[in-house]
Amino acid sequence: MGFWTLIEAFLLFANALAILNEDRFLARRGWTLAEISVGGRKSLKGQVVGLIHACQFLRLPLMILNVITIVLKLFSG
């Protein structure tokens, strides 16, 4: 496994987190930022919820990285 494959895996994981709908999927399980208390943000659940929220916030840079990855894959084979 090369470095490029690792970068692609992280990009796919970030895409998966970015498409999670907070109202339809996360709220049913109690995984929203509103339900995590201030002290609970240091817990593992709080960190994961923060990561999901950050990926959803950075959708535009993710789209740009996806386009760059697709173009590079088209030219490199």
PDB file of N, CA and C in Angstrom:
ATOM      1  N   MET A   1       0.856  -1.171   0.000  1.00  0.00           N
ATOM      2  CA  MET A   1       0.000   0.000   0.000  1.00  0.00           C
ATOM      3  C   MET A   1       0.899   1.229   0.000  1.00  0.00           C
ATOM      4  N   GLY A   2       0.688   2.060  -0.976  1.00  0.00           N
ATOM      5  CA  GLY A   2       1.488   3.260  -1.112  1.00  0.00           C
ATOM      6  C   GLY A   2       0.875   4.452  -0.420  1.00  0.00           C
ATOM      7  N   PHE A   3       1.612   5.527  -0.478  1.00  0.00           N
ATOM      8  CA  PHE A   3       1.164   6.766   0.151  1.00  0.00           C
ATOM      9  C   PHE A   3      -0.094   7.302  -0.527  1.00  0.00           C
ATOM     10  N   TRP A   4      -0.157   7.203  -1.865  1.00  0.00           N
ATOM     11  CA  TRP A   4      -1.314   7.700  -2.599  1.00  0.00           C
ATOM     12  C   TRP A   4      -2.575   6.926  -2.215  1.00  0.00           C
ATOM     13  N   THR A   5      -2.453   5.621  -2.022  1.00  0.00           N
ATOM     14  CA  THR A   5      -3.587   4.797  -1.623  1.00  0.00           C
ATOM     15  C   THR A   5      -4.077   5.204  -0.240  1.00  0.00           C
ATOM     16  N   LEU A   6      -3.167   5.517   0.639  1.00  0.00           N
ATOM     17  CA  LEU A   6      -3.532   5.970   1.979  1.00  0.00           C
ATOM     18  C   LEU A   6      -4.263   7.312   1.928  1.00  0.00           C
ATOM     19  N   ILE A   7      -3.796   8.217   1.094  1.00  0.00           N
ATOM     20  CA  ILE A   7      -4.459   9.516   0.925  1.00  0.00           C
ATOM     21  C   ILE A   7      -5.876   9.320   0.377  1.00  0.00           C
ATOM     22  N   GLU A   8      -6.025   8.418  -0.602  1.00  0.00           N
ATOM     23  CA  GLU A   8      -7.353   8.136  -1.158  1.00  0.00           C
ATOM     24  C   GLU A   8      -8.285   7.539  -0.107  1.00  0.00           C
ATOM     25  N   ALA A   9      -7.756   6.689   0.742  1.00  0.00           N
ATOM     26  CA  ALA A   9      -8.571   6.084   1.793  1.00  0.00           C
ATOM     27  C   ALA A   9      -9.065   7.145   2.771  1.00  0.00           C
ATOM     28  N   PHE A  10      -8.213   8.069   3.165  1.00  0.00           N
ATOM     29  CA  PHE A  10      -8.630   9.150   4.057  1.00  0.00           C
ATOM     30  C   PHE A  10      -9.669  10.054   3.385  1.00  0.00           C
ATOM     31  N   LEU A  11      -9.499  10.294   2.091  1.00  0.00           N
ATOM     32  CA  LEU A  11     -10.465  11.109   1.358  1.00  0.00           C
ATOM     33  C   LEU A  11     -11.820  10.414   1.293  1.00  0.00           C
ATOM     34  N   LEU A  12     -11.839   9.125   1.044  1.00  0.00           N
ATOM     35  CA  LEU A  12     -13.097   8.382   1.015  1.00  0.00           C
ATOM     36  C   LEU A  12     -13.764   8.361   2.388  1.00  0.00           C
ATOM     37  N   PHE A  13     -12.970   8.225   3.446  1.00  0.00           N
ATOM     38  CA  PHE A  13     -13.513   8.248   4.805  1.00  0.00           C
ATOM     39  C   PHE A  13     -14.111   9.612   5.130  1.00  0.00           C
ATOM     40  N   ALA A  14     -13.434  10.686   4.740  1.00  0.00           N
ATOM     41  CA  ALA A  14     -13.956  12.036   4.971  1.00  0.00           C
ATOM     42  C   ALA A  14     -15.244  12.260   4.181  1.00  0.00           C
ATOM     43  N   ASN A  15     -15.310  11.714   2.962  1.00  0.00           N
ATOM     44  CA  ASN A  15     -16.541  11.813   2.172  1.00  0.00           C
ATOM     45  C   ASN A  15     -17.681  11.083   2.858  1.00  0.00           C
ATOM     46  N   ALA A  16     -17.395   9.923   3.404  1.00  0.00           N
ATOM     47  CA  ALA A  16     -18.432   9.150   4.092  1.00  0.00           C
ATOM     48  C   ALA A  16     -18.966   9.908   5.305  1.00  0.00           C
ATOM     49  N   LEU A  17     -18.105  10.573   6.032  1.00  0.00           N
ATOM     50  CA  LEU A  17     -18.552  11.347   7.188  1.00  0.00           C
ATOM     51  C   LEU A  17     -19.309  12.608   6.767  1.00  0.00           C
ATOM     52  N   ALA A  18     -18.923  13.178   5.640  1.00  0.00           N
ATOM     53  CA  ALA A  18     -19.544  14.435   5.197  1.00  0.00           C
ATOM     54  C   ALA A  18     -20.972  14.242   4.727  1.00  0.00           C
ATOM     55  N   ILE A  19     -21.325  13.053   4.255  1.00  0.00           N
ATOM     56  CA  ILE A  19     -22.673  12.869   3.725  1.00  0.00           C
ATOM     57  C   ILE A  19     -23.674  12.408   4.779  1.00  0.00           C
ATOM     58  N   LEU A  20     -23.226  12.159   5.998  1.00  0.00           N
ATOM     59  CA  LEU A  20     -24.161  11.748   7.046  1.00  0.00           C
ATOM     60  C   LEU A  20     -25.108  12.904   7.366  1.00  0.00           C
ATOM     61  N   ASN A  21     -26.389  12.624   7.335  1.00  0.00           N
ATOM     62  CA  ASN A  21     -27.401  13.632   7.621  1.00  0.00           C
ATOM     63  C   ASN A  21     -27.642  13.680   9.135  1.00  0.00           C
ATOM     64  N   GLU A  22     -27.488  14.862   9.700  1.00  0.00           N
ATOM     65  CA  GLU A  22     -27.609  15.006  11.151  1.00  0.00           C
ATOM     66  C   GLU A  22     -29.033  14.745  11.635  1.00  0.00           C
ATOM     67  N   ASP A  23     -30.017  15.200  10.897  1.00  0.00           N
ATOM     68  CA  ASP A  23     -31.411  15.034  11.332  1.00  0.00           C
ATOM     69  C   ASP A  23     -31.902  13.601  11.148  1.00  0.00           C
ATOM     70  N   ARG A  24     -31.584  12.990  10.042  1.00  0.00           N
ATOM     71  CA  ARG A  24     -32.141  11.682   9.731  1.00  0.00           C
ATOM     72  C   ARG A  24     -31.353  10.523  10.334  1.00  0.00           C
ATOM     73  N   PHE A  25     -30.051  10.687  10.525  1.00  0.00           N
ATOM     74  CA  PHE A  25     -29.238   9.565  10.974  1.00  0.00           C
ATOM     75  C   PHE A  25     -28.627   9.781  12.356  1.00  0.00           C
ATOM     76  N   LEU A  26     -27.996  10.908  12.543  1.00  0.00           N
ATOM     77  CA  LEU A  26     -27.232  11.124  13.774  1.00  0.00           C
ATOM     78  C   LEU A  26     -28.110  11.469  14.974  1.00  0.00           C
ATOM     79  N   ALA A  27     -29.173  12.234  14.774  1.00  0.00           N
ATOM     80  CA  ALA A  27     -30.009  12.663  15.901  1.00  0.00           C
ATOM     81  C   ALA A  27     -30.725  11.484  16.550  1.00  0.00           C
ATOM     82  N   ARG A  28     -31.078  10.485  15.781  1.00  0.00           N
ATOM     83  CA  ARG A  28     -31.745   9.306  16.347  1.00  0.00           C
ATOM     84  C   ARG A  28     -30.856   8.552  17.317  1.00  0.00           C
ATOM     85  N   ARG A  29     -29.569   8.650  17.114  1.00  0.00           N
ATOM     86  CA  ARG A  29     -28.623   7.921  17.948  1.00  0.00           C
ATOM     87  C   ARG A  29     -27.960   8.799  19.007  1.00  0.00           C
ATOM     88  N   GLY A  30     -28.336  10.071  19.052  1.00  0.00           N
ATOM     89  CA  GLY A  30     -27.779  10.981  20.044  1.00  0.00           C
ATOM     90  C   GLY A  30     -26.376  11.451  19.713  1.00  0.00           C
ATOM     91  N   TRP A  31     -26.050  11.560  18.425  1.00  0.00           N
ATOM     92  CA  TRP A  31     -24.702  11.925  17.993  1.00  0.00           C
ATOM     93  C   TRP A  31     -24.684  13.320  17.381  1.00  0.00           C
ATOM     94  N   THR A  32     -25.318  14.285  18.020  1.00  0.00           N
ATOM     95  CA  THR A  32     -25.283  15.664  17.528  1.00  0.00           C
ATOM     96  C   THR A  32     -24.460  16.517  18.479  1.00  0.00           C
ATOM     97  N   LEU A  33     -24.009  17.650  17.974  1.00  0.00           N
ATOM     98  CA  LEU A  33     -23.220  18.556  18.809  1.00  0.00           C
ATOM     99  C   LEU A  33     -24.059  19.136  19.940  1.00  0.00           C
ATOM    100  N   ALA A  34     -25.337  19.313  19.701  1.00  0.00           N
ATOM    101  CA  ALA A  34     -26.208  19.883  20.730  1.00  0.00           C
ATOM    102  C   ALA A  34     -26.365  18.944  21.922  1.00  0.00           C
ATOM    103  N   GLU A  35     -26.291  17.654  21.691  1.00  0.00           N
ATOM    104  CA  GLU A  35     -26.490  16.684  22.767  1.00  0.00           C
ATOM    105  C   GLU A  35     -25.214  16.368  23.539  1.00  0.00           C
ATOM    106  N   ILE A  36     -24.079  16.764  23.007  1.00  0.00           N
ATOM    107  CA  ILE A  36     -22.817  16.547  23.707  1.00  0.00           C
ATOM    108  C   ILE A  36     -22.571  17.753  24.602  1.00  0.00           C
ATOM    109  N   SER A  37     -22.427  17.508  25.885  1.00  0.00           N
ATOM    110  CA  SER A  37     -22.188  18.608  26.815  1.00  0.00           C
ATOM    111  C   SER A  37     -20.764  19.126  26.642  1.00  0.00           C
ATOM    112  N   VAL A  38     -20.486  20.251  27.256  1.00  0.00           N
ATOM    113  CA  VAL A  38     -19.164  20.878  27.134  1.00  0.00           C
ATOM    114  C   VAL A  38     -18.075  19.947  27.663  1.00  0.00           C
ATOM    115  N   GLY A  39     -18.306  19.306  28.771  1.00  0.00           N
ATOM    116  CA  GLY A  39     -17.317  18.388  29.324  1.00  0.00           C
ATOM    117  C   GLY A  39     -17.230  17.086  28.571  1.00  0.00           C
ATOM    118  N   GLY A  40     -18.304  16.738  27.843  1.00  0.00           N
ATOM    119  CA  GLY A  40     -18.331  15.490  27.104  1.00  0.00           C
ATOM    120  C   GLY A  40     -17.596  15.531  25.785  1.00  0.00           C
ATOM    121  N   ARG A  41     -17.136  16.699  25.390  1.00  0.00           N
ATOM    122  CA  ARG A  41     -16.418  16.816  24.113  1.00  0.00           C
ATOM    123  C   ARG A  41     -15.022  16.209  24.184  1.00  0.00           C
ATOM    124  N   LYS A  42     -14.546  15.922  25.367  1.00  0.00           N
ATOM    125  CA  LYS A  42     -13.236  15.291  25.503  1.00  0.00           C
ATOM    126  C   LYS A  42     -13.343  13.774  25.430  1.00  0.00           C
ATOM    127  N   SER A  43     -14.564  13.252  25.505  1.00  0.00           N
ATOM    128  CA  SER A  43     -14.745  11.809  25.433  1.00  0.00           C
ATOM    129  C   SER A  43     -14.587  11.345  23.987  1.00  0.00           C
ATOM    130  N   LEU A  44     -14.517  10.036  23.796  1.00  0.00           N
ATOM    131  CA  LEU A  44     -14.370   9.485  22.453  1.00  0.00           C
ATOM    132  C   LEU A  44     -15.588   9.824  21.593  1.00  0.00           C
ATOM    133  N   LYS A  45     -16.780   9.713  22.172  1.00  0.00           N
ATOM    134  CA  LYS A  45     -17.999  10.044  21.437  1.00  0.00           C
ATOM    135  C   LYS A  45     -17.998  11.517  21.038  1.00  0.00           C
ATOM    136  N   GLY A  46     -17.591  12.379  21.930  1.00  0.00           N
ATOM    137  CA  GLY A  46     -17.521  13.806  21.624  1.00  0.00           C
ATOM    138  C   GLY A  46     -16.519  14.115  20.531  1.00  0.00           C
ATOM    139  N   GLN A  47     -15.391  13.416  20.536  1.00  0.00           N
ATOM    140  CA  GLN A  47     -14.384  13.614  19.501  1.00  0.00           C
ATOM    141  C   GLN A  47     -14.887  13.147  18.142  1.00  0.00           C
ATOM    142  N   VAL A  48     -15.593  12.013  18.119  1.00  0.00           N
ATOM    143  CA  VAL A  48     -16.131  11.500  16.860  1.00  0.00           C
ATOM    144  C   VAL A  48     -17.199  12.436  16.318  1.00  0.00           C
ATOM    145  N   VAL A  49     -18.069  12.937  17.184  1.00  0.00           N
ATOM    146  CA  VAL A  49     -19.106  13.888  16.760  1.00  0.00           C
ATOM    147  C   VAL A  49     -18.447  15.158  16.227  1.00  0.00           C
ATOM    148  N   GLY A  50     -17.405  15.623  16.857  1.00  0.00           N
ATOM    149  CA  GLY A  50     -16.678  16.791  16.369  1.00  0.00           C
ATOM    150  C   GLY A  50     -16.042  16.548  15.007  1.00  0.00           C
ATOM    151  N   LEU A  51     -15.497  15.350  14.799  1.00  0.00           N
ATOM    152  CA  LEU A  51     -14.911  14.999  13.506  1.00  0.00           C
ATOM    153  C   LEU A  51     -15.978  14.966  12.413  1.00  0.00           C
ATOM    154  N   ILE A  52     -17.131  14.388  12.728  1.00  0.00           N
ATOM    155  CA  ILE A  52     -18.236  14.341  11.756  1.00  0.00           C
ATOM    156  C   ILE A  52     -18.689  15.754  11.411  1.00  0.00           C
ATOM    157  N   HIS A  53     -18.822  16.603  12.421  1.00  0.00           N
ATOM    158  CA  HIS A  53     -19.249  17.976  12.189  1.00  0.00           C
ATOM    159  C   HIS A  53     -18.211  18.750  11.365  1.00  0.00           C
ATOM    160  N   ALA A  54     -16.937  18.517  11.617  1.00  0.00           N
ATOM    161  CA  ALA A  54     -15.890  19.197  10.854  1.00  0.00           C
ATOM    162  C   ALA A  54     -15.892  18.757   9.393  1.00  0.00           C
ATOM    163  N   CYS A  55     -16.112  17.477   9.149  1.00  0.00           N
ATOM    164  CA  CYS A  55     -16.178  16.989   7.764  1.00  0.00           C
ATOM    165  C   CYS A  55     -17.386  17.558   7.042  1.00  0.00           C
ATOM    166  N   GLN A  56     -18.492  17.721   7.751  1.00  0.00           N
ATOM    167  CA  GLN A  56     -19.681  18.312   7.129  1.00  0.00           C
ATOM    168  C   GLN A  56     -19.468  19.793   6.859  1.00  0.00           C
ATOM    169  N   PHE A  57     -18.717  20.455   7.704  1.00  0.00           N
ATOM    170  CA  PHE A  57     -18.450  21.878   7.534  1.00  0.00           C
ATOM    171  C   PHE A  57     -17.523  22.123   6.338  1.00  0.00           C
ATOM    172  N   LEU A  58     -16.604  21.206   6.089  1.00  0.00           N
ATOM    173  CA  LEU A  58     -15.602  21.379   5.034  1.00  0.00           C
ATOM    174  C   LEU A  58     -15.986  20.632   3.757  1.00  0.00           C
ATOM    175  N   ARG A  59     -17.240  20.705   3.365  1.00  0.00           N
ATOM    176  CA  ARG A  59     -17.679  19.997   2.161  1.00  0.00           C
ATOM    177  C   ARG A  59     -17.076  20.572   0.894  1.00  0.00           C
ATOM    178  N   LEU A  60     -16.956  21.880   0.786  1.00  0.00           N
ATOM    179  CA  LEU A  60     -16.412  22.488  -0.428  1.00  0.00           C
ATOM    180  C   LEU A  60     -14.946  22.082  -0.656  1.00  0.00           C
ATOM    181  N   PRO A  61     -14.077  22.162   0.347  1.00  0.00           N
ATOM    182  CA  PRO A  61     -12.715  21.667   0.113  1.00  0.00           C
ATOM    183  C   PRO A  61     -12.671  20.173  -0.221  1.00  0.00           C
ATOM    184  N   LEU A  62     -13.599  19.392   0.347  1.00  0.00           N
ATOM    185  CA  LEU A  62     -13.657  17.976   0.001  1.00  0.00           C
ATOM    186  C   LEU A  62     -14.030  17.783  -1.463  1.00  0.00           C
ATOM    187  N   MET A  63     -14.954  18.587  -1.956  1.00  0.00           N
ATOM    188  CA  MET A  63     -15.324  18.490  -3.368  1.00  0.00           C
ATOM    189  C   MET A  63     -14.141  18.829  -4.266  1.00  0.00           C
ATOM    190  N   ILE A  64     -13.396  19.843  -3.895  1.00  0.00           N
ATOM    191  CA  ILE A  64     -12.228  20.235  -4.684  1.00  0.00           C
ATOM    192  C   ILE A  64     -11.177  19.125  -4.651  1.00  0.00           C
ATOM    193  N   LEU A  65     -10.945  18.534  -3.495  1.00  0.00           N
ATOM    194  CA  LEU A  65      -9.989  17.420  -3.403  1.00  0.00           C
ATOM    195  C   LEU A  65     -10.464  16.208  -4.202  1.00  0.00           C
ATOM    196  N   ASN A  66     -11.764  15.967  -4.236  1.00  0.00           N
ATOM    197  CA  ASN A  66     -12.305  14.876  -5.041  1.00  0.00           C
ATOM    198  C   ASN A  66     -12.051  15.111  -6.523  1.00  0.00           C
ATOM    199  N   VAL A  67     -12.269  16.327  -6.988  1.00  0.00           N
ATOM    200  CA  VAL A  67     -12.037  16.643  -8.401  1.00  0.00           C
ATOM    201  C   VAL A  67     -10.560  16.479  -8.745  1.00  0.00           C
ATOM    202  N   ILE A  68      -9.691  16.957  -7.875  1.00  0.00           N
ATOM    203  CA  ILE A  68      -8.251  16.817  -8.110  1.00  0.00           C
ATOM    204  C   ILE A  68      -7.858  15.344  -8.158  1.00  0.00           C
ATOM    205  N   THR A  69      -8.402  14.553  -7.252  1.00  0.00           N
ATOM    206  CA  THR A  69      -8.094  13.125  -7.224  1.00  0.00           C
ATOM    207  C   THR A  69      -8.584  12.430  -8.483  1.00  0.00           C
ATOM    208  N   ILE A  70      -9.782  12.769  -8.925  1.00  0.00           N
ATOM    209  CA  ILE A  70     -10.327  12.149 -10.137  1.00  0.00           C
ATOM    210  C   ILE A  70      -9.477  12.510 -11.353  1.00  0.00           C
ATOM    211  N   VAL A  71      -9.078  13.770 -11.473  1.00  0.00           N
ATOM    212  CA  VAL A  71      -8.262  14.193 -12.600  1.00  0.00           C
ATOM    213  C   VAL A  71      -6.899  13.498 -12.570  1.00  0.00           C
ATOM    214  N   LEU A  72      -6.289  13.415 -11.405  1.00  0.00           N
ATOM    215  CA  LEU A  72      -4.998  12.723 -11.292  1.00  0.00           C
ATOM    216  C   LEU A  72      -5.116  11.241 -11.638  1.00  0.00           C
ATOM    217  N   LYS A  73      -6.202  10.611 -11.192  1.00  0.00           N
ATOM    218  CA  LYS A  73      -6.403   9.202 -11.524  1.00  0.00           C
ATOM    219  C   LYS A  73      -6.644   9.011 -13.020  1.00  0.00           C
ATOM    220  N   LEU A  74      -7.325   9.955 -13.665  1.00  0.00           N
ATOM    221  CA  LEU A  74      -7.552   9.849 -15.101  1.00  0.00           C
ATOM    222  C   LEU A  74      -6.250   9.954 -15.887  1.00  0.00           C
ATOM    223  N   PHE A  75      -5.369  10.847 -15.458  1.00  0.00           N
ATOM    224  CA  PHE A  75      -4.106  11.034 -16.188  1.00  0.00           C
ATOM    225  C   PHE A  75      -3.058   9.976 -15.844  1.00  0.00           C
ATOM    226  N   SER A  76      -3.074   9.482 -14.623  1.00  0.00           N
ATOM    227  CA  SER A  76      -2.043   8.505 -14.223  1.00  0.00           C
ATOM    228  C   SER A  76      -2.445   7.069 -14.511  1.00  0.00           C
ATOM    229  N   GLY A  77      -3.714   6.844 -14.722  1.00  0.00           N
ATOM    230  CA  GLY A  77      -4.175   5.482 -15.061  1.00  0.00           C
ATOM    231  C   GLY A  77      -4.621   4.794 -13.892  1.00  0.00           C
TER     232      GLY A  77
END
